[in-house]
Amino acid sequence: MEHCIRLRGLTKVYGSGPSAKRAVDGIDLDVRPGEIVALLGPNGAGKTTTIDIILGFIAPTAGEVSVLGRTPRQAVADGRVSAVLQTGGLLRDLTVGETVDLIASTYPAPTPAHDVLRRAGLDGLAERKVQACSGGEQQRLRFALALLADPELLLLDEPTAAMDVEARRTFWAAMAAEADAGRTIVFATHYLQEAEDFARRTVLIAGGRIVADGLTDEIRRQSSGRTVRARVAAERVGPTTAMLDARADVRSVEVDVDVDGGGRLVVETADSDAVARLLLGELGGWDLEIEPASLEHAFVRLTSNLESAS
């Protein structure tokens, strides 16, 4: 199959008249089998609405949606699509094992309960009540339930929002194993680090529209700049800042002044080599570091361009 997900002109408007809200604004998106795709954007960007449409929870106002060559509801009914959502879907008085057994009974040929518990990192928690599970453990339980149908496509909506750092690491390690097995994974997140660490492809969304779409490394490079950090002596702070501000290839200069009057400069520039030579040579700087562009830089730049064009 050429496309696992295919969206054309996807639009969702809530309400009517002057108060209408356009949550999704003409999205075109193709996801191929086996891809790992991050839908990255701030809260309110349209990520959850897009996932809800792909799952068949809500109908689009306009546009076309195809999931595994069929309608969203057909794909879900066939057990070929599963989701891990932010909240809901769990009965607090059941144990983890009872919850898995209950949902498994709704499938004609579910994946064995012990297998999905192991893959979700819950094999030691089968006897624990759901209400006694942490937020991260409950999300891993939702992940285990999603695996019961052995889906081809996994959709995750802000799956680690309730997790601490260690729980996130454990969750993504389990998800990486599913991706290595060839499962298609699409996840919505506002955590830049998750997209950088896990997604091979990133789709930036802002204002219900796609701002950029490509390999994560390529999206990062679209910020077309790097961050140069260096220290300069106290008497050099003012002249250095003025000289850097005057350069056309420098976007911004920030200075943290030390107790001795010296400064730690953070320079956003399109020509990091030239700025580094200037800092180390003429300006007498030291302790220099150069960082590649991040998704955060790319997102800020690309969404700023979108707002300017509106």
Protein backbone atom coordinates (compact mmCIF):
# COMPACT_ATOMS: atom_id res chain seq x y z
CA MET A 1 0.00 0.00 0.00
CA GLU A 2 1.42 3.37 -1.04
CA HIS A 3 -0.18 5.41 1.74
CA CYS A 4 -1.11 4.48 5.28
CA ILE A 5 -2.78 7.87 5.81
CA ARG A 6 -3.84 10.26 3.07
CA LEU A 7 -5.39 13.66 3.83
CA ARG A 8 -6.45 16.15 1.19
CA GLY A 9 -7.77 19.61 1.97
CA LEU A 10 -8.66 18.52 5.49
CA THR A 11 -10.68 21.24 7.22
CA LYS A 12 -12.57 21.36 10.48
CA VAL A 13 -14.61 24.38 11.55
CA TYR A 14 -16.43 24.59 14.85
CA GLY A 15 -19.42 26.89 15.07
CA SER A 16 -20.60 29.34 12.43
CA GLY A 17 -20.63 33.02 11.65
CA PRO A 18 -18.19 35.49 13.22
CA SER A 19 -17.52 33.16 16.18
CA ALA A 20 -16.55 30.16 14.03
CA LYS A 21 -13.20 28.56 14.88
CA ARG A 22 -11.15 26.93 12.12
CA ALA A 23 -9.27 24.24 14.03
CA VAL A 24 -7.84 22.56 10.91
CA ASP A 25 -7.27 24.66 7.82
CA GLY A 26 -6.71 22.71 4.60
CA ILE A 27 -4.15 20.08 5.60
CA ASP A 28 -2.63 17.83 2.93
CA LEU A 29 -0.64 14.93 4.37
CA ASP A 30 0.58 11.51 3.25
CA VAL A 31 2.05 8.96 5.68
CA ARG A 32 3.68 5.89 4.19
CA PRO A 33 3.70 2.45 5.83
CA GLY A 34 6.49 2.04 8.37
CA GLU A 35 7.04 5.76 8.95
CA ILE A 36 7.45 7.39 12.36
CA VAL A 37 5.92 10.86 12.15
CA ALA A 38 5.68 13.58 14.78
CA LEU A 39 2.89 16.14 14.51
CA LEU A 40 4.61 18.96 16.37
CA GLY A 41 2.97 22.16 17.47
CA PRO A 42 1.75 24.17 20.45
CA ASN A 43 -1.53 23.51 22.23
CA GLY A 44 -4.39 24.61 20.00
CA ALA A 45 -2.45 24.07 16.76
CA GLY A 46 -4.94 21.49 15.44
CA LYS A 47 -3.01 18.29 16.22
CA THR A 48 -5.68 16.58 18.34
CA THR A 49 -8.46 17.53 15.93
CA THR A 50 -6.49 16.02 13.06
CA ILE A 51 -5.95 12.77 14.98
CA ASP A 52 -9.63 12.64 15.99
CA ILE A 53 -10.58 12.89 12.31
CA ILE A 54 -8.11 10.14 11.32
CA LEU A 55 -9.64 7.92 14.02
CA GLY A 56 -13.18 8.66 12.83
CA PHE A 57 -14.21 10.29 16.12
CA ILE A 58 -15.34 13.43 14.30
CA ALA A 59 -16.12 14.22 10.67
CA PRO A 60 -14.24 16.91 8.78
CA THR A 61 -16.06 19.99 7.58
CA ALA A 62 -14.36 19.55 4.22
CA GLY A 63 -11.66 17.44 2.61
CA GLU A 64 -10.85 13.77 2.09
CA VAL A 65 -9.53 11.19 4.57
CA SER A 66 -8.22 7.74 3.72
CA VAL A 67 -6.73 5.38 6.32
CA LEU A 68 -5.18 2.15 5.04
CA GLY A 69 -7.20 2.55 1.86
CA ARG A 70 -10.59 2.85 3.59
CA THR A 71 -12.58 5.25 5.72
CA PRO A 72 -11.33 5.92 9.26
CA ARG A 73 -14.23 4.05 10.87
CA GLN A 74 -13.70 1.01 8.61
CA ALA A 75 -9.96 0.93 9.40
CA VAL A 76 -10.62 1.09 13.15
CA ALA A 77 -13.42 -1.50 12.98
CA ASP A 78 -11.06 -3.88 11.16
CA GLY A 79 -8.59 -3.63 14.04
CA ARG A 80 -5.91 -2.18 11.80
CA VAL A 81 -5.67 1.11 13.72
CA SER A 82 -5.20 1.69 17.46
CA ALA A 83 -4.70 4.81 19.54
CA VAL A 84 -3.13 5.92 22.78
CA LEU A 85 -5.01 9.03 23.88
CA GLN A 86 -4.34 11.44 26.73
CA THR A 87 -7.17 10.46 29.07
CA GLY A 88 -10.19 8.19 29.53
CA GLY A 89 -10.93 4.61 28.62
CA LEU A 90 -9.96 3.00 31.96
CA LEU A 91 -12.11 1.61 34.78
CA ARG A 92 -10.50 2.57 38.08
CA ASP A 93 -11.77 -0.42 40.12
CA LEU A 94 -10.32 -3.08 37.81
CA THR A 95 -6.76 -4.34 37.99
CA VAL A 96 -4.35 -3.84 35.12
CA GLY A 97 -4.67 -7.51 34.15
CA GLU A 98 -8.47 -7.47 34.36
CA THR A 99 -8.56 -4.39 32.13
CA VAL A 100 -6.46 -6.09 29.47
CA ASP A 101 -8.55 -9.28 29.66
CA LEU A 102 -11.80 -7.30 29.37
CA ILE A 103 -10.73 -5.40 26.25
CA ALA A 104 -9.14 -8.52 24.76
CA SER A 105 -12.52 -10.27 24.96
CA THR A 106 -13.90 -7.80 22.41
CA TYR A 107 -11.46 -8.97 19.70
CA PRO A 108 -11.84 -12.22 17.75
CA ALA A 109 -8.11 -13.03 17.89
CA PRO A 110 -6.32 -10.66 20.28
CA THR A 111 -2.63 -10.59 20.99
CA PRO A 112 -2.02 -12.59 24.22
CA ALA A 113 -2.43 -10.48 27.36
CA HIS A 114 0.96 -11.45 28.79
CA ASP A 115 2.62 -10.33 25.56
CA VAL A 116 1.10 -6.82 25.47
CA LEU A 117 1.78 -6.36 29.20
CA ARG A 118 5.43 -7.27 28.66
CA ARG A 119 5.80 -4.99 25.65
CA ALA A 120 4.24 -2.08 27.56
CA GLY A 121 6.49 -2.68 30.58
CA LEU A 122 3.59 -3.71 32.82
CA ASP A 123 4.22 -7.42 33.32
CA GLY A 124 4.87 -6.88 37.04
CA LEU A 125 1.75 -4.76 37.59
CA ALA A 126 -1.04 -7.08 36.47
CA GLU A 127 -2.56 -7.28 39.97
CA ARG A 128 -2.45 -3.54 40.66
CA LYS A 129 -5.69 -1.57 40.62
CA VAL A 130 -5.91 1.01 37.86
CA GLN A 131 -6.67 3.70 40.43
CA ALA A 132 -3.37 2.90 42.16
CA CYS A 133 -1.36 3.34 38.97
CA SER A 134 0.58 6.52 38.29
CA GLY A 135 -0.24 8.67 35.28
CA GLY A 136 2.65 7.14 33.37
CA GLU A 137 1.57 3.59 34.24
CA GLN A 138 -1.98 4.34 33.08
CA GLN A 139 -0.60 5.60 29.76
CA ARG A 140 1.43 2.40 29.40
CA LEU A 141 -1.77 0.46 30.09
CA ARG A 142 -3.50 2.35 27.26
CA PHE A 143 -0.52 1.41 25.10
CA ALA A 144 -0.95 -2.27 26.05
CA LEU A 145 -4.65 -2.08 25.13
CA ALA A 146 -3.75 -0.52 21.78
CA LEU A 147 -1.49 -3.50 21.00
CA LEU A 148 -4.22 -6.11 21.53
CA ALA A 149 -5.49 -5.78 17.96
CA ASP A 150 -1.94 -6.03 16.54
CA PRO A 151 -2.56 -2.80 14.57
CA GLU A 152 -0.66 -1.67 11.51
CA LEU A 153 -1.03 1.96 12.54
CA LEU A 154 -0.61 3.48 16.01
CA LEU A 155 -1.86 7.01 16.67
CA LEU A 156 -0.65 8.72 19.83
CA ASP A 157 -2.07 12.01 21.09
CA GLU A 158 0.31 13.69 23.56
CA PRO A 159 1.03 10.23 25.03
CA THR A 160 3.56 11.35 27.65
CA ALA A 161 1.80 14.47 28.95
CA ALA A 162 1.24 12.89 32.40
CA MET A 163 4.70 11.32 32.69
CA ASP A 164 7.88 12.31 34.45
CA VAL A 165 11.23 12.15 32.67
CA GLU A 166 11.97 8.52 33.56
CA ALA A 167 8.47 7.37 32.60
CA ARG A 168 8.82 9.13 29.24
CA ARG A 169 12.12 7.38 28.62
CA THR A 170 10.57 3.99 29.41
CA PHE A 171 7.54 4.68 27.24
CA TRP A 172 9.56 5.71 24.20
CA ALA A 173 11.88 2.73 24.59
CA ALA A 174 8.81 0.48 24.31
CA MET A 175 7.52 2.50 21.36
CA ALA A 176 10.89 2.26 19.61
CA ALA A 177 10.62 -1.53 19.73
CA GLU A 178 7.23 -1.34 18.00
CA ALA A 179 8.67 0.97 15.35
CA ASP A 180 11.59 -1.41 14.76
CA ALA A 181 9.03 -4.16 14.16
CA GLY A 182 7.67 -2.11 11.23
CA ARG A 183 4.58 -0.56 12.78
CA THR A 184 3.56 2.86 11.45
CA ILE A 185 3.50 5.41 14.27
CA VAL A 186 2.08 8.93 14.19
CA PHE A 187 2.23 10.95 17.40
CA ALA A 188 1.13 14.44 18.31
CA THR A 189 3.34 16.31 20.75
CA HIS A 190 4.34 19.76 21.88
CA TYR A 191 7.61 18.44 23.32
CA LEU A 192 10.35 19.42 20.88
CA GLN A 193 12.77 16.92 22.40
CA GLU A 194 10.41 14.00 21.76
CA ALA A 195 10.21 14.87 18.08
CA GLU A 196 13.97 15.28 17.83
CA ASP A 197 14.75 12.06 19.69
CA PHE A 198 12.15 9.74 18.21
CA ALA A 199 10.60 10.95 14.95
CA ARG A 200 12.35 10.35 11.66
CA ARG A 201 9.91 12.77 10.05
CA THR A 202 8.40 15.89 11.62
CA VAL A 203 5.31 17.83 10.52
CA LEU A 204 5.16 21.29 12.06
CA ILE A 205 1.59 22.53 12.61
CA ALA A 206 0.50 26.03 13.60
CA GLY A 207 -2.90 27.67 13.32
CA GLY A 208 -4.41 24.54 11.83
CA ARG A 209 -1.96 24.54 8.92
CA ILE A 210 1.21 22.63 8.07
CA VAL A 211 4.17 24.99 8.35
CA ALA A 212 6.84 22.48 7.34
CA ASP A 213 7.06 18.76 6.58
CA GLY A 214 10.18 16.68 6.11
CA LEU A 215 12.90 14.59 7.71
CA THR A 216 13.50 15.86 11.23
CA ASP A 217 17.13 16.77 10.47
CA GLU A 218 16.03 18.70 7.38
CA ILE A 219 13.40 20.63 9.34
CA ARG A 220 16.04 21.52 11.91
CA ARG A 221 18.29 22.86 9.15
CA GLN A 222 15.49 25.10 7.88
CA SER A 223 16.25 27.48 10.70
CA SER A 224 19.43 28.13 8.65
CA GLY A 225 21.47 29.12 11.66
CA ARG A 226 23.47 27.98 14.65
CA THR A 227 24.04 29.09 18.21
CA VAL A 228 27.54 30.24 19.15
CA ARG A 229 28.40 30.58 22.85
CA ALA A 230 31.58 32.13 24.22
CA ARG A 231 32.99 34.07 27.16
CA VAL A 232 34.52 37.53 26.88
CA ALA A 233 36.31 39.75 29.41
CA ALA A 234 34.43 42.50 31.23
CA GLU A 235 35.93 45.33 29.16
CA ARG A 236 34.99 43.52 25.96
CA VAL A 237 31.28 42.96 26.67
CA GLY A 238 30.01 46.27 25.29
CA PRO A 239 32.21 46.50 22.17
CA THR A 240 31.67 42.81 21.38
CA THR A 241 27.88 43.10 21.62
CA ALA A 242 27.86 46.22 19.42
CA MET A 243 30.11 44.59 16.81
CA LEU A 244 28.01 41.44 16.65
CA ASP A 245 24.73 43.40 16.47
CA ALA A 246 26.09 45.22 13.42
CA ARG A 247 26.67 42.02 11.43
CA ALA A 248 24.04 41.08 8.84
CA ASP A 249 24.50 37.36 9.52
CA VAL A 250 23.71 37.72 13.26
CA ARG A 251 20.04 37.38 14.26
CA SER A 252 20.36 37.99 17.99
CA VAL A 253 22.88 38.48 20.78
CA GLU A 254 22.23 37.76 24.45
CA VAL A 255 24.66 38.42 27.30
CA ASP A 256 24.71 36.98 30.81
CA VAL A 257 27.00 39.14 32.92
CA ASP A 258 29.18 37.30 35.46
CA VAL A 259 29.90 38.56 38.97
CA ASP A 260 33.34 39.72 37.82
CA GLY A 261 31.81 41.77 35.00
CA GLY A 262 32.71 39.34 32.25
CA GLY A 263 30.03 37.98 29.98
CA ARG A 264 28.73 34.77 28.48
CA LEU A 265 27.47 35.54 24.97
CA VAL A 266 24.82 33.56 23.14
CA VAL A 267 24.75 34.45 19.44
CA GLU A 268 22.20 33.23 16.89
CA THR A 269 23.85 33.47 13.48
CA ALA A 270 23.64 32.23 9.90
CA ASP A 271 27.46 32.11 9.67
CA SER A 272 28.77 30.42 12.79
CA ASP A 273 32.29 29.98 11.38
CA ALA A 274 32.76 33.72 10.81
CA VAL A 275 31.35 34.62 14.23
CA ALA A 276 33.57 32.00 15.91
CA ARG A 277 36.69 33.39 14.19
CA LEU A 278 35.74 36.92 15.28
CA LEU A 279 35.11 35.91 18.89
CA LEU A 280 38.29 33.85 19.27
CA GLY A 281 40.52 36.21 17.32
CA GLU A 282 39.83 39.93 17.33
CA LEU A 283 37.55 39.91 20.40
CA GLY A 284 39.66 37.66 22.61
CA GLY A 285 36.90 35.27 23.57
CA TRP A 286 37.32 31.79 25.00
CA ASP A 287 35.34 28.69 26.04
CA LEU A 288 33.58 28.68 22.67
CA GLU A 289 30.78 26.26 21.74
CA ILE A 290 28.77 25.90 18.54
CA GLU A 291 25.38 24.19 18.61
CA PRO A 292 23.46 23.07 15.51
CA ALA A 293 20.03 24.44 14.82
CA SER A 294 17.21 22.91 16.86
CA LEU A 295 13.60 22.16 16.07
CA GLU A 296 12.71 25.01 18.40
CA HIS A 297 14.63 27.49 16.26
CA ALA A 298 13.07 26.10 13.11
CA PHE A 299 9.57 26.20 14.58
CA VAL A 300 9.88 29.77 15.82
CA ARG A 301 11.28 30.95 12.49
CA LEU A 302 8.75 29.11 10.34
CA THR A 303 5.72 30.09 12.40
CA SER A 304 6.93 33.71 12.43
CA ASN A 305 7.02 33.58 8.64
CA LEU A 306 3.46 32.21 8.63
CA GLU A 307 2.20 35.01 10.88
CA SER A 308 3.94 37.64 8.73
CA ALA A 309 2.26 36.29 5.60
CA SER A 310 -1.22 36.24 7.18
